[in-house]
Amino acid sequence: MARRKGDLGLQEHSIYVEGLPIRYLAAGEGPPLVLLHGVGDNALDWAWVMPALARTHRVYAPDLPGSAGSARPKGDDYSPASFERFLNAFLDALEVERAVVIGNSLGGLVGLRLALAKPERVTALGLLASAGLGRRISPALRSLAIPGYGGLAVAWGKRRPGAAQRALGRAALLFGRPGGIPVKWLKEQYRLARQPGFLEAQLATLRAQVGLRGQRQLMLDRLPSLRVPTLVVWGERDRVLPYAQAREAISRIPNGSLELIPNCGHLPQVERPDHLTKILERFLKERALG
């Protein structure tokens, strides 16, 4: 049964994907559009842009496996390949043959993998500060690959003061401006850290893509074979992934465009939702016309 999520017009649903219960948010009517969050977050990251996008699309935002609203994956497999399989199965469960896919950070890598593996399922692709486009990544995230350190961070993050510290630390890393951090986002970060198993799952997800030397899986060499219309969006003040990765990626994508958002960090959908919405609406309109 669907439940309303606040006053944003979003519906909260649960669906079984390959036998696993998965929570997702949905809104609107029209061509399907899927939004994918990054590591350490959940579907609520998209709540600031979903109502506007739902004016022209049926929008779905799932909690990826291992997030607080969804089950842990079978075998605790948190590899990018496992999330690609999940996305394909999620579309099957929704009975959606083709969709626009827009992903942030890890979500971008997941969408990119599906667009390369099954281009018939992805009508257009949005990569928002996407993972997988270069080796470099913030040292703060690489450090979690140090044996023992990540486990200590998880143990501390579960406690009340640790959860608060985690929320503030992530805000400093992910946002470009202190004034751009919504209180609701901070409260959700605190709540997530206190959920049983959440931090363990997120650490495993991070380590599957990030090691001491940086990102493990790089997709640059495969970008020339990408055939779907692709939009790359980056925040000017992204402290997680450098903007140089966006420039390198767009030079290799045959049908791509690049947008830089000023005064913005790694989460444009939360920090600059109005600006991002205009960019996405223009991209979706051009794709529909073209």
Protein backbone atom coordinates (compact mmCIF):
# COMPACT_ATOMS: atom_id res chain seq x y z
CA MET A 1 0.00 0.00 0.00
CA ALA A 2 1.27 3.45 -0.91
CA ARG A 3 1.87 6.03 1.79
CA ARG A 4 2.24 9.78 1.42
CA LYS A 5 5.66 11.19 2.20
CA GLY A 6 5.15 14.56 3.85
CA ASP A 7 3.55 17.31 1.80
CA LEU A 8 5.67 16.82 -1.32
CA GLY A 9 3.14 14.69 -3.18
CA LEU A 10 5.46 11.68 -3.05
CA GLN A 11 4.16 8.16 -2.56
CA GLU A 12 6.16 5.60 -0.59
CA HIS A 13 5.92 2.03 -1.91
CA SER A 14 7.44 -1.38 -1.27
CA ILE A 15 8.14 -3.92 -3.99
CA TYR A 16 9.93 -7.25 -4.16
CA VAL A 17 12.95 -7.30 -6.47
CA GLU A 18 14.50 -10.73 -6.91
CA GLY A 19 12.90 -11.76 -3.61
CA LEU A 20 14.14 -8.73 -1.67
CA PRO A 21 11.78 -6.07 -0.24
CA ILE A 22 12.74 -2.69 -1.70
CA ARG A 23 11.35 0.72 -0.72
CA TYR A 24 10.92 3.39 -3.35
CA LEU A 25 9.35 6.81 -3.73
CA ALA A 26 7.17 7.61 -6.72
CA ALA A 27 5.33 10.62 -8.11
CA GLY A 28 3.73 11.92 -11.29
CA GLU A 29 2.54 10.45 -14.56
CA GLY A 30 4.22 10.14 -17.92
CA PRO A 31 7.36 8.51 -19.32
CA PRO A 32 9.32 6.65 -16.62
CA LEU A 33 12.29 8.33 -14.95
CA VAL A 34 14.46 6.54 -12.36
CA LEU A 35 16.64 8.42 -9.85
CA LEU A 36 19.53 6.64 -8.11
CA HIS A 37 21.25 7.89 -4.95
CA GLY A 38 24.86 7.47 -3.85
CA VAL A 39 26.66 5.73 -0.98
CA GLY A 40 25.53 6.71 2.52
CA ASP A 41 22.27 8.25 1.34
CA ASN A 42 18.80 7.11 0.34
CA ALA A 43 15.90 7.98 -1.93
CA LEU A 44 14.99 11.07 0.11
CA ASP A 45 17.96 12.85 -1.46
CA TRP A 46 15.69 13.32 -4.48
CA ALA A 47 12.73 14.79 -2.59
CA TRP A 48 13.82 18.34 -3.45
CA VAL A 49 13.56 17.75 -7.22
CA MET A 50 10.97 14.99 -7.59
CA PRO A 51 7.82 17.17 -7.46
CA ALA A 52 9.04 19.33 -10.35
CA LEU A 53 10.20 16.37 -12.46
CA ALA A 54 6.89 14.61 -11.74
CA ARG A 55 5.06 17.29 -13.72
CA THR A 56 6.15 15.55 -16.93
CA HIS A 57 7.32 12.07 -15.87
CA ARG A 58 6.47 9.11 -13.69
CA VAL A 59 9.41 9.34 -11.31
CA TYR A 60 10.80 6.45 -9.26
CA ALA A 61 13.51 6.78 -6.59
CA PRO A 62 14.47 3.48 -4.94
CA ASP A 63 16.45 2.89 -1.79
CA LEU A 64 19.31 0.80 -3.17
CA PRO A 65 19.88 -2.59 -1.49
CA GLY A 66 21.58 -2.10 1.86
CA SER A 67 19.98 1.28 2.46
CA ALA A 68 17.73 1.71 5.47
CA GLY A 69 14.47 1.18 3.57
CA SER A 70 15.55 -1.87 1.56
CA ALA A 71 16.89 -5.33 2.35
CA ARG A 72 20.54 -6.26 2.23
CA PRO A 73 21.54 -8.00 -1.01
CA LYS A 74 21.97 -11.75 -1.14
CA GLY A 75 25.48 -12.78 -0.22
CA ASP A 76 26.15 -9.18 0.90
CA ASP A 77 27.28 -8.39 -2.65
CA TYR A 78 27.68 -4.61 -2.90
CA SER A 79 29.66 -4.47 -6.13
CA PRO A 80 28.71 -2.03 -8.90
CA ALA A 81 27.80 -5.08 -11.00
CA SER A 82 25.30 -6.21 -8.35
CA PHE A 83 23.63 -2.79 -8.35
CA GLU A 84 23.42 -2.89 -12.14
CA ARG A 85 21.60 -6.23 -11.89
CA PHE A 86 19.34 -4.74 -9.24
CA LEU A 87 18.42 -1.79 -11.47
CA ASN A 88 17.56 -4.10 -14.35
CA ALA A 89 15.43 -6.28 -12.05
CA PHE A 90 13.80 -3.20 -10.49
CA LEU A 91 12.61 -2.08 -13.92
CA ASP A 92 11.29 -5.61 -14.55
CA ALA A 93 9.41 -5.57 -11.23
CA LEU A 94 7.83 -2.24 -12.14
CA GLU A 95 7.00 -3.62 -15.62
CA VAL A 96 8.91 -0.71 -17.14
CA GLU A 97 10.60 -1.61 -20.42
CA ARG A 98 12.57 1.61 -20.93
CA ALA A 99 13.32 4.60 -18.73
CA VAL A 100 15.43 7.69 -18.35
CA VAL A 101 18.01 6.95 -15.65
CA ILE A 102 19.66 9.71 -13.60
CA GLY A 103 22.19 8.79 -10.94
CA ASN A 104 24.29 10.68 -8.42
CA SER A 105 27.77 9.43 -7.45
CA LEU A 106 27.52 5.61 -7.18
CA GLY A 107 24.04 5.87 -8.69
CA GLY A 108 25.60 7.41 -11.79
CA LEU A 109 27.98 4.47 -12.17
CA VAL A 110 25.05 2.06 -11.81
CA GLY A 111 23.04 3.86 -14.49
CA LEU A 112 26.07 4.06 -16.76
CA ARG A 113 26.71 0.34 -16.46
CA LEU A 114 23.11 -0.47 -17.42
CA ALA A 115 23.16 1.96 -20.35
CA LEU A 116 26.31 0.25 -21.68
CA ALA A 117 25.09 -3.31 -21.04
CA LYS A 118 21.45 -2.86 -22.06
CA PRO A 119 21.07 0.35 -24.09
CA GLU A 120 17.57 -0.72 -25.13
CA ARG A 121 16.42 -0.17 -21.51
CA VAL A 122 17.82 3.36 -21.06
CA THR A 123 16.28 6.12 -23.18
CA ALA A 124 18.58 8.81 -21.75
CA LEU A 125 21.22 9.00 -19.03
CA GLY A 126 22.05 11.64 -16.43
CA LEU A 127 25.38 11.45 -14.59
CA LEU A 128 25.47 13.75 -11.56
CA ALA A 129 29.00 13.81 -10.13
CA SER A 130 29.20 10.19 -11.20
CA ALA A 131 31.56 7.60 -9.82
CA GLY A 132 33.64 5.54 -12.22
CA LEU A 133 34.97 8.40 -14.37
CA GLY A 134 38.44 8.73 -12.85
CA ARG A 135 40.74 7.29 -10.21
CA ARG A 136 40.83 10.31 -7.89
CA ILE A 137 38.42 10.59 -4.97
CA SER A 138 38.46 12.39 -1.63
CA PRO A 139 41.11 11.08 0.83
CA ALA A 140 38.36 11.05 3.48
CA LEU A 141 36.65 8.23 1.57
CA ARG A 142 39.86 6.42 0.64
CA SER A 143 40.79 6.26 4.32
CA LEU A 144 37.75 4.07 5.02
CA ALA A 145 39.51 1.32 3.07
CA ILE A 146 42.24 1.14 5.72
CA PRO A 147 41.89 -2.20 7.55
CA GLY A 148 40.33 -1.62 10.96
CA TYR A 149 39.65 2.07 10.49
CA GLY A 150 36.35 1.63 8.66
CA GLY A 151 35.09 -0.70 11.37
CA LEU A 152 35.94 1.83 14.07
CA ALA A 153 34.12 4.56 12.11
CA VAL A 154 31.02 2.34 11.88
CA ALA A 155 31.06 1.53 15.60
CA TRP A 156 31.37 5.21 16.52
CA GLY A 157 28.81 6.34 13.95
CA LYS A 158 26.09 4.14 15.48
CA ARG A 159 26.22 6.04 18.79
CA ARG A 160 24.28 9.26 19.25
CA PRO A 161 27.31 11.61 19.31
CA GLY A 162 28.93 9.62 16.51
CA ALA A 163 25.82 9.83 14.33
CA ALA A 164 25.71 13.59 14.83
CA GLN A 165 29.40 13.90 14.02
CA ARG A 166 28.95 11.76 10.91
CA ALA A 167 26.10 13.96 9.66
CA LEU A 168 28.11 17.14 10.14
CA GLY A 169 31.24 15.59 8.63
CA ARG A 170 29.36 14.42 5.56
CA ALA A 171 27.80 17.86 5.20
CA ALA A 172 31.23 19.50 5.19
CA LEU A 173 32.44 17.04 2.54
CA LEU A 174 29.38 16.88 0.28
CA PHE A 175 28.17 20.50 0.21
CA GLY A 176 29.89 23.44 -1.38
CA ARG A 177 28.35 26.09 0.89
CA PRO A 178 27.45 25.89 4.60
CA GLY A 179 24.23 27.76 3.87
CA GLY A 180 23.18 25.13 1.36
CA ILE A 181 22.67 22.32 3.86
CA PRO A 182 18.97 21.64 4.59
CA VAL A 183 18.21 20.77 8.20
CA LYS A 184 15.96 17.95 6.98
CA TRP A 185 18.92 16.37 5.21
CA LEU A 186 21.05 16.55 8.36
CA LYS A 187 18.30 14.95 10.44
CA GLU A 188 17.90 12.16 7.89
CA GLN A 189 21.65 11.50 7.93
CA TYR A 190 21.52 11.17 11.71
CA ARG A 191 18.52 8.83 11.51
CA LEU A 192 20.18 6.64 8.89
CA ALA A 193 23.32 6.17 10.96
CA ARG A 194 21.21 4.88 13.85
CA GLN A 195 19.44 2.26 11.70
CA PRO A 196 20.64 -1.33 12.35
CA GLY A 197 23.03 -2.55 9.67
CA PHE A 198 23.01 0.66 7.64
CA LEU A 199 26.58 1.79 8.26
CA GLU A 200 27.98 -1.71 7.77
CA ALA A 201 26.23 -1.98 4.41
CA GLN A 202 27.41 1.46 3.32
CA LEU A 203 31.01 0.68 4.28
CA ALA A 204 30.87 -2.53 2.25
CA THR A 205 29.38 -0.61 -0.70
CA LEU A 206 32.08 2.04 -0.52
CA ARG A 207 34.91 -0.49 -0.26
CA ALA A 208 33.59 -2.36 -3.31
CA GLN A 209 34.34 0.76 -5.41
CA VAL A 210 36.99 2.65 -3.42
CA GLY A 211 40.39 1.42 -2.26
CA LEU A 212 43.47 3.10 -0.86
CA ARG A 213 44.55 4.16 -4.37
CA GLY A 214 41.16 5.56 -5.30
CA GLN A 215 38.26 4.29 -7.37
CA ARG A 216 38.50 0.69 -8.43
CA GLN A 217 36.18 0.48 -11.43
CA LEU A 218 36.78 3.01 -14.22
CA MET A 219 34.48 3.29 -17.23
CA LEU A 220 36.34 5.88 -19.33
CA ASP A 221 37.49 3.45 -22.01
CA ARG A 222 33.91 2.28 -22.55
CA LEU A 223 32.36 5.74 -22.92
CA PRO A 224 32.89 5.97 -26.72
CA SER A 225 30.47 3.04 -27.10
CA LEU A 226 27.74 4.84 -25.12
CA ARG A 227 24.89 5.46 -27.55
CA VAL A 228 22.16 7.01 -25.41
CA PRO A 229 21.81 10.80 -24.98
CA THR A 230 23.86 11.61 -21.89
CA LEU A 231 23.97 14.62 -19.60
CA VAL A 232 26.93 15.10 -17.24
CA VAL A 233 26.37 17.51 -14.32
CA TRP A 234 29.01 18.56 -11.79
CA GLY A 235 29.18 20.94 -8.88
CA GLU A 236 31.91 23.58 -9.13
CA ARG A 237 32.90 22.96 -5.49
CA ASP A 238 32.72 19.16 -5.49
CA ARG A 239 35.19 17.92 -2.85
CA VAL A 240 34.49 14.24 -3.47
CA LEU A 241 35.24 13.90 -7.19
CA PRO A 242 37.19 16.53 -9.17
CA TYR A 243 35.52 18.40 -12.02
CA ALA A 244 38.38 17.32 -14.30
CA GLN A 245 36.71 13.90 -14.43
CA ALA A 246 33.61 15.46 -15.97
CA ARG A 247 35.66 17.18 -18.68
CA GLU A 248 37.53 13.97 -19.49
CA ALA A 249 34.29 11.96 -19.61
CA ILE A 250 32.39 14.35 -21.85
CA SER A 251 35.24 14.35 -24.37
CA ARG A 252 34.63 10.63 -24.87
CA ILE A 253 30.81 10.50 -24.96
CA PRO A 254 29.46 10.66 -28.55
CA ASN A 255 26.07 12.17 -27.68
CA GLY A 256 26.77 14.06 -24.47
CA SER A 257 26.47 17.50 -22.91
CA LEU A 258 28.08 18.99 -19.80
CA GLU A 259 26.68 21.38 -17.18
CA LEU A 260 28.65 22.94 -14.32
CA ILE A 261 26.69 24.23 -11.31
CA PRO A 262 28.40 27.11 -9.48
CA ASN A 263 28.50 27.27 -5.68
CA CYS A 264 27.61 23.59 -5.44
CA GLY A 265 29.19 20.44 -4.07
CA HIS A 266 28.58 16.73 -4.62
CA LEU A 267 24.77 16.70 -4.10
CA PRO A 268 23.22 19.18 -6.54
CA GLN A 269 19.78 17.61 -6.05
CA VAL A 270 19.89 18.71 -2.40
CA GLU A 271 22.08 21.83 -2.44
CA ARG A 272 20.92 23.50 -5.68
CA PRO A 273 17.62 21.75 -6.52
CA ASP A 274 16.09 24.67 -8.47
CA HIS A 275 19.18 25.05 -10.63
CA LEU A 276 19.44 21.31 -11.22
CA THR A 277 15.74 21.02 -12.01
CA LYS A 278 16.05 23.60 -14.81
CA ILE A 279 19.00 21.70 -16.26
CA LEU A 280 17.18 18.36 -16.11
CA GLU A 281 13.93 19.75 -17.49
CA ARG A 282 15.79 21.23 -20.46
CA PHE A 283 17.61 17.95 -21.08
CA LEU A 284 14.43 15.90 -20.85
CA LYS A 285 12.57 18.28 -23.17
CA GLU A 286 15.36 18.24 -25.76
CA ARG A 287 15.52 14.46 -25.57
CA ALA A 288 11.76 14.20 -26.12
CA LEU A 289 11.94 16.52 -29.12
CA GLY A 290 15.03 14.95 -30.58
